[in-house]
Amino acid sequence: LTIHGIAPKMTFHTKTKAKRYILSRLDYIFSSYRVSNLLQDFKVLPCYISDHHP
């Protein structure tokens, strides 16, 4: 994730700020994705148990 060449007038501070923002957004996306996957697993598990243990 390099921002070189796109905006050469950006200062080093702005670059690090942008990079940090992008990383935090990615982290947020991944964590929310993981949470939704966990929720799906929790929804599937009881159905699986009830299907196999009548």
C-alpha atoms as a PDB file:
ATOM      1  CA  LEU A   1       0.000   0.000   0.000  1.00  0.00           C
ATOM      2  CA  THR A   2       2.320   2.764  -1.185  1.00  0.00           C
ATOM      3  CA  ILE A   3       0.965   6.170  -2.078  1.00  0.00           C
ATOM      4  CA  HIS A   4       4.097   7.157  -4.028  1.00  0.00           C
ATOM      5  CA  GLY A   5       3.584   9.023  -7.283  1.00  0.00           C
ATOM      6  CA  ILE A   6      -0.079   9.825  -6.700  1.00  0.00           C
ATOM      7  CA  ALA A   7       0.384  12.983  -4.640  1.00  0.00           C
ATOM      8  CA  PRO A   8       4.044  14.029  -4.475  1.00  0.00           C
ATOM      9  CA  LYS A   9       3.117  17.284  -2.737  1.00  0.00           C
ATOM     10  CA  MET A  10       1.888  15.421   0.326  1.00  0.00           C
ATOM     11  CA  THR A  11       4.065  15.827   3.366  1.00  0.00           C
ATOM     12  CA  PHE A  12       5.493  12.876   5.254  1.00  0.00           C
ATOM     13  CA  HIS A  13       3.060  13.502   8.109  1.00  0.00           C
ATOM     14  CA  THR A  14       0.051  13.467   5.801  1.00  0.00           C
ATOM     15  CA  LYS A  15       1.301  10.259   4.189  1.00  0.00           C
ATOM     16  CA  THR A  16       1.653   8.485   7.513  1.00  0.00           C
ATOM     17  CA  LYS A  17      -1.751   9.786   8.568  1.00  0.00           C
ATOM     18  CA  ALA A  18      -3.326   8.473   5.366  1.00  0.00           C
ATOM     19  CA  LYS A  19      -1.536   5.156   5.712  1.00  0.00           C
ATOM     20  CA  ARG A  20      -2.647   4.830   9.316  1.00  0.00           C
ATOM     21  CA  TYR A  21      -6.221   5.657   8.283  1.00  0.00           C
ATOM     22  CA  ILE A  22      -6.168   3.033   5.532  1.00  0.00           C
ATOM     23  CA  LEU A  23      -4.736   0.434   7.904  1.00  0.00           C
ATOM     24  CA  SER A  24      -7.364   1.171  10.541  1.00  0.00           C
ATOM     25  CA  ARG A  25     -10.111   0.912   7.933  1.00  0.00           C
ATOM     26  CA  LEU A  26      -8.723  -2.440   6.772  1.00  0.00           C
ATOM     27  CA  ASP A  27      -8.508  -3.605  10.373  1.00  0.00           C
ATOM     28  CA  TYR A  28     -12.127  -2.555  10.924  1.00  0.00           C
ATOM     29  CA  ILE A  29     -13.279  -4.344   7.774  1.00  0.00           C
ATOM     30  CA  PHE A  30     -11.426  -7.532   8.704  1.00  0.00           C
ATOM     31  CA  SER A  31     -12.687  -7.516  12.293  1.00  0.00           C
ATOM     32  CA  SER A  32     -16.304  -6.922  11.259  1.00  0.00           C
ATOM     33  CA  TYR A  33     -15.921  -9.644   8.611  1.00  0.00           C
ATOM     34  CA  ARG A  34     -14.617 -12.022  11.271  1.00  0.00           C
ATOM     35  CA  VAL A  35     -17.487 -11.135  13.608  1.00  0.00           C
ATOM     36  CA  SER A  36     -20.101 -11.766  10.910  1.00  0.00           C
ATOM     37  CA  ASN A  37     -18.445 -15.103  10.126  1.00  0.00           C
ATOM     38  CA  LEU A  38     -18.556 -16.040  13.809  1.00  0.00           C
ATOM     39  CA  LEU A  39     -22.227 -15.105  13.966  1.00  0.00           C
ATOM     40  CA  GLN A  40     -22.918 -17.262  10.918  1.00  0.00           C
ATOM     41  CA  ASP A  41     -21.091 -20.159  12.572  1.00  0.00           C
ATOM     42  CA  PHE A  42     -23.167 -19.729  15.708  1.00  0.00           C
ATOM     43  CA  LYS A  43     -26.350 -19.741  13.639  1.00  0.00           C
ATOM     44  CA  VAL A  44     -25.301 -22.840  11.695  1.00  0.00           C
ATOM     45  CA  LEU A  45     -24.140 -24.827  14.726  1.00  0.00           C
ATOM     46  CA  PRO A  46     -27.552 -25.263  16.455  1.00  0.00           C
ATOM     47  CA  CYS A  47     -29.146 -26.256  13.139  1.00  0.00           C
ATOM     48  CA  TYR A  48     -26.382 -28.805  12.596  1.00  0.00           C
ATOM     49  CA  ILE A  49     -26.812 -30.215  16.104  1.00  0.00           C
ATOM     50  CA  SER A  50     -30.606 -30.429  15.805  1.00  0.00           C
ATOM     51  CA  ASP A  51     -30.285 -32.093  12.398  1.00  0.00           C
ATOM     52  CA  HIS A  52     -27.914 -34.780  13.633  1.00  0.00           C
ATOM     53  CA  HIS A  53     -29.376 -35.300  17.112  1.00  0.00           C
ATOM     54  CA  PRO A  54     -33.158 -35.592  16.893  1.00  0.00           C
END
